[in-house]
N, C-alpha and C. Protein backbone atom coordinates (compact mmCIF):
# COMPACT_ATOMS: atom_id res chain seq x y z
N UNK A 1 96.84 67.62 92.25
CA UNK A 1 97.06 67.92 90.89
C UNK A 1 95.44 68.36 90.35
N UNK A 2 95.81 69.97 89.54
CA UNK A 2 94.89 70.35 89.02
C UNK A 2 95.08 71.04 87.83
N UNK A 3 94.38 70.65 86.78
CA UNK A 3 94.63 71.27 85.50
C UNK A 3 93.34 72.15 85.09
N UNK A 4 93.49 73.60 84.86
CA UNK A 4 93.02 74.49 84.40
C UNK A 4 92.88 75.15 82.93
N UNK A 5 91.74 75.29 82.48
CA UNK A 5 91.56 75.56 81.07
C UNK A 5 90.60 76.70 81.05
N UNK A 6 91.04 77.98 80.53
CA UNK A 6 90.08 79.22 80.47
C UNK A 6 89.68 79.13 78.79
N UNK A 7 88.58 80.12 78.79
CA UNK A 7 88.06 80.19 77.78
C UNK A 7 86.83 81.37 77.49
N UNK A 8 86.61 81.97 76.46
CA UNK A 8 85.68 82.94 76.39
C UNK A 8 86.31 84.72 76.31
N UNK A 9 87.71 84.30 76.32
CA UNK A 9 87.97 85.93 75.74
C UNK A 9 87.68 86.32 74.63
N UNK A 10 88.03 87.47 74.10
CA UNK A 10 88.26 88.43 73.24
C UNK A 10 88.10 89.53 72.81
N UNK A 11 87.50 90.26 72.06
CA UNK A 11 87.58 91.74 71.63
C UNK A 11 86.02 92.05 72.03
N UNK A 12 86.28 93.30 72.40
CA UNK A 12 84.69 93.58 72.72
C UNK A 12 84.74 95.53 72.99
N UNK A 13 83.69 96.17 72.48
CA UNK A 13 83.68 97.42 72.57
C UNK A 13 83.48 97.87 74.04
N UNK A 14 84.05 99.17 74.65
CA UNK A 14 83.25 99.72 75.78
C UNK A 14 81.91 99.59 75.91
N UNK A 15 81.63 99.02 77.03
CA UNK A 15 79.61 98.92 77.46
C UNK A 15 79.65 97.25 77.32
N UNK A 16 80.11 96.59 76.40
CA UNK A 16 80.02 95.20 76.37
C UNK A 16 80.18 94.14 77.38
N UNK A 17 79.94 93.23 76.98
CA UNK A 17 79.89 92.19 78.07
C UNK A 17 80.70 90.97 77.22
N UNK A 18 81.13 90.03 78.10
CA UNK A 18 81.85 88.84 78.06
C UNK A 18 81.89 87.89 79.17
N UNK A 19 81.65 86.59 79.21
CA UNK A 19 81.60 85.64 79.62
C UNK A 19 82.93 84.90 79.91
N UNK A 20 83.96 84.43 80.98
CA UNK A 20 84.83 83.69 81.01
C UNK A 20 84.35 82.21 81.59
N UNK A 21 85.19 81.51 80.85
CA UNK A 21 85.24 80.15 81.48
C UNK A 21 86.27 79.60 82.03
N UNK A 22 86.40 78.77 82.98
CA UNK A 22 87.19 78.09 83.41
C UNK A 22 86.83 76.63 83.76
N UNK A 23 87.41 75.68 83.12
CA UNK A 23 87.08 74.18 83.30
C UNK A 23 88.47 73.69 84.11
N UNK A 24 87.95 72.97 85.41
CA UNK A 24 89.17 71.99 86.14
C UNK A 24 88.84 70.73 85.83
N UNK A 25 90.11 69.97 85.90
CA UNK A 25 90.04 68.82 86.07
C UNK A 25 91.24 68.05 86.67
N UNK A 26 91.08 67.21 87.57
CA UNK A 26 92.18 65.95 87.96
C UNK A 26 92.15 66.38 89.70
N UNK A 27 91.37 66.69 89.98
CA UNK A 27 91.36 66.90 91.52
C UNK A 27 89.64 66.95 92.02
N UNK A 28 89.56 67.57 93.04
CA UNK A 28 88.11 67.31 93.65
C UNK A 28 87.98 68.94 93.65
N UNK A 29 87.25 69.51 92.43
CA UNK A 29 86.70 70.81 92.21
C UNK A 29 86.26 71.66 93.73
N UNK A 30 85.22 70.93 94.17
CA UNK A 30 84.23 71.72 95.14
C UNK A 30 85.35 71.88 96.33
N UNK A 31 86.16 71.32 96.60
CA UNK A 31 87.38 71.43 97.73
C UNK A 31 88.23 72.86 97.27
N UNK A 32 88.23 73.36 96.26
CA UNK A 32 88.99 74.97 96.34
C UNK A 32 88.23 75.80 95.85
N UNK A 33 88.74 76.87 96.71
CA UNK A 33 88.61 78.30 96.36
C UNK A 33 88.93 78.83 94.85
N UNK A 34 88.28 79.56 93.98
CA UNK A 34 88.71 79.66 92.90
C UNK A 34 88.90 81.57 92.52
N UNK A 35 89.86 81.33 91.90
CA UNK A 35 89.79 83.14 91.26
C UNK A 35 90.31 83.31 90.03
N UNK A 36 89.90 84.41 89.52
CA UNK A 36 90.28 85.03 88.67
C UNK A 36 90.95 86.27 88.61
N UNK A 37 92.28 86.28 88.02
CA UNK A 37 93.42 87.40 88.17
C UNK A 37 93.36 87.95 86.51
N UNK A 38 93.81 89.15 86.64
CA UNK A 38 94.39 89.73 85.33
C UNK A 38 95.71 90.38 85.11
N UNK A 39 96.21 90.31 84.00
CA UNK A 39 97.79 91.02 84.15
C UNK A 39 97.62 92.33 82.82
N UNK A 40 97.45 92.96 83.05
CA UNK A 40 98.00 94.05 81.59
C UNK A 40 99.34 94.55 81.60
N UNK A 41 99.31 95.08 80.23
CA UNK A 41 101.00 94.99 80.09
C UNK A 41 101.24 96.34 80.90
N UNK A 42 102.57 95.40 81.62
CA UNK A 42 103.30 96.27 82.40
C UNK A 42 102.89 96.66 83.63
N UNK A 43 102.14 95.99 84.23
CA UNK A 43 101.42 95.75 85.75
C UNK A 43 101.53 94.85 86.31
N UNK A 44 101.38 94.51 87.39
CA UNK A 44 101.43 93.45 88.18
C UNK A 44 99.84 92.81 87.91
N UNK A 45 99.98 91.32 88.15
CA UNK A 45 98.93 90.41 88.15
C UNK A 45 98.20 91.08 89.44
N UNK A 46 96.93 90.94 89.07
CA UNK A 46 95.73 91.32 90.34
C UNK A 46 94.75 90.40 90.58
N UNK A 47 94.08 90.03 91.55
CA UNK A 47 93.01 89.36 91.70
C UNK A 47 91.63 90.38 91.79
N UNK A 48 91.03 89.86 90.69
CA UNK A 48 89.70 90.59 90.50
C UNK A 48 88.49 89.97 91.17
N UNK A 49 88.42 88.73 91.16
CA UNK A 49 87.23 88.06 91.77
C UNK A 49 87.59 86.98 92.44
N UNK A 50 86.88 86.35 93.79
CA UNK A 50 86.82 84.86 94.12
C UNK A 50 85.86 84.36 94.63
N UNK A 51 86.02 83.00 94.72
CA UNK A 51 84.61 82.50 95.32
C UNK A 51 84.86 81.31 95.91
N UNK A 52 84.35 81.40 97.24
CA UNK A 52 85.27 79.73 98.01
C UNK A 52 84.40 78.76 97.84
N UNK A 53 84.60 77.81 98.32
CA UNK A 53 83.93 76.16 98.50
C UNK A 53 82.54 76.37 98.65
N UNK A 54 82.36 77.40 99.39
CA UNK A 54 81.39 77.76 100.06
C UNK A 54 80.17 78.68 98.92
N UNK A 55 80.74 78.89 97.92
CA UNK A 55 80.04 80.13 97.09
C UNK A 55 80.31 81.64 97.64
N UNK A 56 80.72 81.87 99.02
CA UNK A 56 81.28 83.06 99.25
C UNK A 56 81.88 83.78 98.16
N UNK A 57 81.71 85.12 97.64
CA UNK A 57 82.37 85.88 96.91
C UNK A 57 82.97 87.06 97.25
N UNK A 58 84.21 87.64 96.51
CA UNK A 58 84.78 88.90 96.61
C UNK A 58 85.27 89.33 95.78
N UNK A 59 84.98 90.82 95.47
CA UNK A 59 85.80 91.23 94.16
C UNK A 59 86.73 92.32 94.54
N UNK A 60 87.27 92.74 93.69
CA UNK A 60 88.34 94.26 93.57
C UNK A 60 87.69 94.99 93.72
N UNK A 61 87.81 95.94 94.19
CA UNK A 61 87.07 97.60 94.18
C UNK A 61 86.93 98.36 92.63
N UNK A 62 87.55 97.87 91.67
CA UNK A 62 87.34 98.17 90.25
C UNK A 62 86.73 97.70 89.49
N UNK A 63 85.79 96.29 89.90
CA UNK A 63 85.14 95.30 89.17
C UNK A 63 83.91 95.32 90.17
N UNK A 64 84.11 95.69 91.17
CA UNK A 64 82.60 95.47 92.05
C UNK A 64 81.22 96.26 90.92
N UNK A 65 80.17 95.45 91.10
CA UNK A 65 79.16 95.73 90.41
C UNK A 65 78.83 95.47 89.24
N UNK A 66 80.13 95.43 88.44
CA UNK A 66 80.39 94.99 87.08
C UNK A 66 80.55 93.42 86.45
N UNK A 67 81.23 93.12 87.45
CA UNK A 67 81.73 91.51 87.56
C UNK A 67 80.87 90.79 88.15
N UNK A 68 80.52 89.41 87.46
CA UNK A 68 80.02 88.31 88.79
C UNK A 68 81.04 86.87 88.88
N UNK A 69 81.53 86.59 89.58
CA UNK A 69 82.10 85.00 89.72
C UNK A 69 80.83 84.20 90.17
N UNK A 70 80.83 82.90 89.59
CA UNK A 70 80.29 81.70 90.23
C UNK A 70 80.67 80.50 89.81
N UNK A 71 80.21 79.59 90.36
CA UNK A 71 81.12 78.42 90.02
C UNK A 71 79.68 77.18 89.83
N UNK A 72 80.24 76.18 89.36
CA UNK A 72 79.31 75.12 89.03
C UNK A 72 79.90 73.91 89.17
N UNK A 73 79.68 73.46 90.66
CA UNK A 73 80.40 72.26 91.08
C UNK A 73 80.21 70.93 90.30
N UNK A 74 79.08 70.92 89.91
CA UNK A 74 78.84 69.40 89.10
C UNK A 74 79.49 69.83 87.36
N UNK A 75 79.78 70.68 87.14
CA UNK A 75 80.68 70.78 85.77
C UNK A 75 82.04 71.05 86.29
N UNK A 76 82.33 71.07 87.38
CA UNK A 76 84.00 71.78 87.39
C UNK A 76 84.11 72.71 86.63
N UNK A 77 83.46 73.71 86.83
CA UNK A 77 83.80 75.07 86.17
C UNK A 77 83.17 76.38 86.75
N UNK A 78 84.25 77.36 86.67
CA UNK A 78 83.70 78.42 87.65
C UNK A 78 84.01 79.70 86.14
N UNK A 79 82.98 80.85 86.37
CA UNK A 79 82.79 81.48 85.62
C UNK A 79 82.77 83.07 86.14
N UNK A 80 83.12 83.67 85.01
CA UNK A 80 83.44 85.02 85.72
C UNK A 80 82.73 86.27 84.15
N UNK A 81 81.36 86.61 84.79
CA UNK A 81 80.47 87.25 83.61
C UNK A 81 81.01 88.83 84.12
N UNK A 82 81.21 89.27 82.80
CA UNK A 82 81.84 90.80 82.89
C UNK A 82 80.84 91.56 82.00
N UNK A 83 80.27 92.80 82.70
CA UNK A 83 79.43 93.37 82.02
C UNK A 83 80.15 94.91 82.21
N UNK A 84 79.26 95.87 81.22
CA UNK A 84 80.17 97.11 81.22
C UNK A 84 81.33 97.11 81.19
N UNK A 85 82.21 96.80 80.48
CA UNK A 85 83.64 96.30 80.11
C UNK A 85 83.93 98.10 79.63
N UNK A 86 85.25 97.98 80.38
CA UNK A 86 85.87 99.17 79.89
C UNK A 86 87.28 99.10 79.44
N UNK A 87 87.98 100.03 79.11
CA UNK A 87 89.37 99.88 77.99
C UNK A 87 90.27 99.39 79.15
N UNK A 88 90.31 99.94 80.00
CA UNK A 88 91.41 99.59 81.50
C UNK A 88 90.84 98.01 82.11
N UNK A 89 89.81 97.41 81.56
CA UNK A 89 89.70 95.93 81.63
C UNK A 89 90.27 95.14 80.98
N UNK A 90 91.16 95.65 80.05
CA UNK A 90 91.95 95.11 78.70
C UNK A 90 93.49 94.37 79.45
N UNK A 91 93.12 93.35 79.93
CA UNK A 91 94.57 92.30 80.06
C UNK A 91 94.37 90.77 79.71
N UNK A 92 95.43 90.13 80.25
CA UNK A 92 95.19 88.45 80.08
C UNK A 92 94.31 88.03 81.47
N UNK A 93 92.96 87.33 81.38
CA UNK A 93 92.71 86.95 82.44
C UNK A 93 93.36 85.36 82.97
N UNK A 94 93.54 85.14 84.08
CA UNK A 94 93.90 83.73 84.25
C UNK A 94 92.89 83.43 85.51
N UNK A 95 92.88 82.02 85.49
CA UNK A 95 92.06 81.25 86.59
C UNK A 95 93.02 80.71 87.37
N UNK A 96 92.48 80.89 88.74
CA UNK A 96 93.38 80.18 89.85
C UNK A 96 92.96 79.48 90.57
N UNK A 97 93.62 78.27 91.34
CA UNK A 97 92.87 77.42 92.01
C UNK A 97 93.36 77.39 93.67
N UNK A 98 92.81 77.34 94.82
CA UNK A 98 93.72 77.73 95.90
C UNK A 98 93.00 76.46 97.01
N UNK A 99 93.60 75.57 97.70
CA UNK A 99 92.88 74.79 98.54
C UNK A 99 92.93 75.56 99.57
N UNK A 100 91.74 75.17 100.61
CA UNK A 100 91.80 75.57 101.76
C UNK A 100 92.99 75.48 102.46
N UNK A 101 92.80 76.93 103.46
CA UNK A 101 94.16 76.74 104.46
C UNK A 101 95.25 77.47 103.77
N UNK A 102 95.24 77.86 102.53
CA UNK A 102 96.70 78.18 101.61
C UNK A 102 96.13 79.93 101.12
N UNK A 103 96.80 80.76 100.96
CA UNK A 103 96.86 82.05 100.58
C UNK A 103 96.61 82.37 99.29
N UNK A 104 96.10 83.02 98.62
CA UNK A 104 96.17 83.57 97.41
C UNK A 104 97.69 84.20 97.11
N UNK A 105 98.01 83.91 95.81
CA UNK A 105 97.51 82.91 94.79
C UNK A 105 97.48 81.60 95.22
N UNK A 106 96.56 80.83 94.59
CA UNK A 106 96.69 78.99 94.69
C UNK A 106 97.90 78.49 93.80
N UNK A 107 98.46 77.61 94.23
CA UNK A 107 99.06 76.88 93.21
C UNK A 107 99.08 76.61 91.91
N UNK A 108 97.63 76.41 91.33
CA UNK A 108 97.25 76.16 90.25
C UNK A 108 96.85 77.46 89.18
N UNK A 109 97.40 77.54 87.95
CA UNK A 109 97.11 78.35 87.16
C UNK A 109 96.71 77.67 85.88
N UNK A 110 95.39 78.41 85.16
CA UNK A 110 95.50 78.29 83.45
C UNK A 110 96.39 79.08 83.19
N UNK A 111 96.02 78.68 81.29
CA UNK A 111 96.87 79.56 80.53
C UNK A 111 96.87 80.57 80.26
N UNK A 112 95.66 81.51 80.56
CA UNK A 112 95.48 82.69 80.36
C UNK A 112 94.63 83.19 79.39
N UNK A 113 93.47 83.89 79.27
CA UNK A 113 92.91 84.42 78.13
C UNK A 113 92.76 85.80 77.92
N UNK A 114 93.01 86.36 76.62
CA UNK A 114 92.89 87.67 76.24
C UNK A 114 91.64 88.53 76.18
N UNK A 115 91.76 89.55 77.02
CA UNK A 115 90.37 90.34 77.02
C UNK A 115 90.86 91.52 76.63
N UNK A 116 90.00 92.28 75.56
CA UNK A 116 90.56 93.48 74.85
C UNK A 116 89.50 94.23 74.54
N UNK A 117 89.31 95.07 75.08
CA UNK A 117 88.27 96.40 75.25
C UNK A 117 88.95 97.76 74.47
N UNK A 118 88.03 97.62 73.59
CA UNK A 118 88.38 99.25 72.84
C UNK A 118 87.18 99.28 71.50
N UNK A 119 87.14 100.65 71.37
CA UNK A 119 86.41 101.05 70.31
C UNK A 119 87.00 101.13 68.79
């Protein structure tokens, strides 16, 4: 069982930055691959960034070069640094945990945090 709590969302102007955090509890965090999904109104939820238990990373083409995912296993936390934000980044962002040997999305979700990019 994994409990995930996101924080760090908010409103920002285009070109601005935000850092999302996802704190995990309840299991051995280092065994899980972690991902950040987002869902904009009227759109399907999409995986924007992922980091393996070994800290390998992957990004959606739409955020490459702007977003950085990282993890701190000593704090059971995964981060998403978002720079050069665009209005199309506006969405609810969700943290997701996936056990090794399973597919995305993983079984565990956070409650989501709203990111709004607008002038």
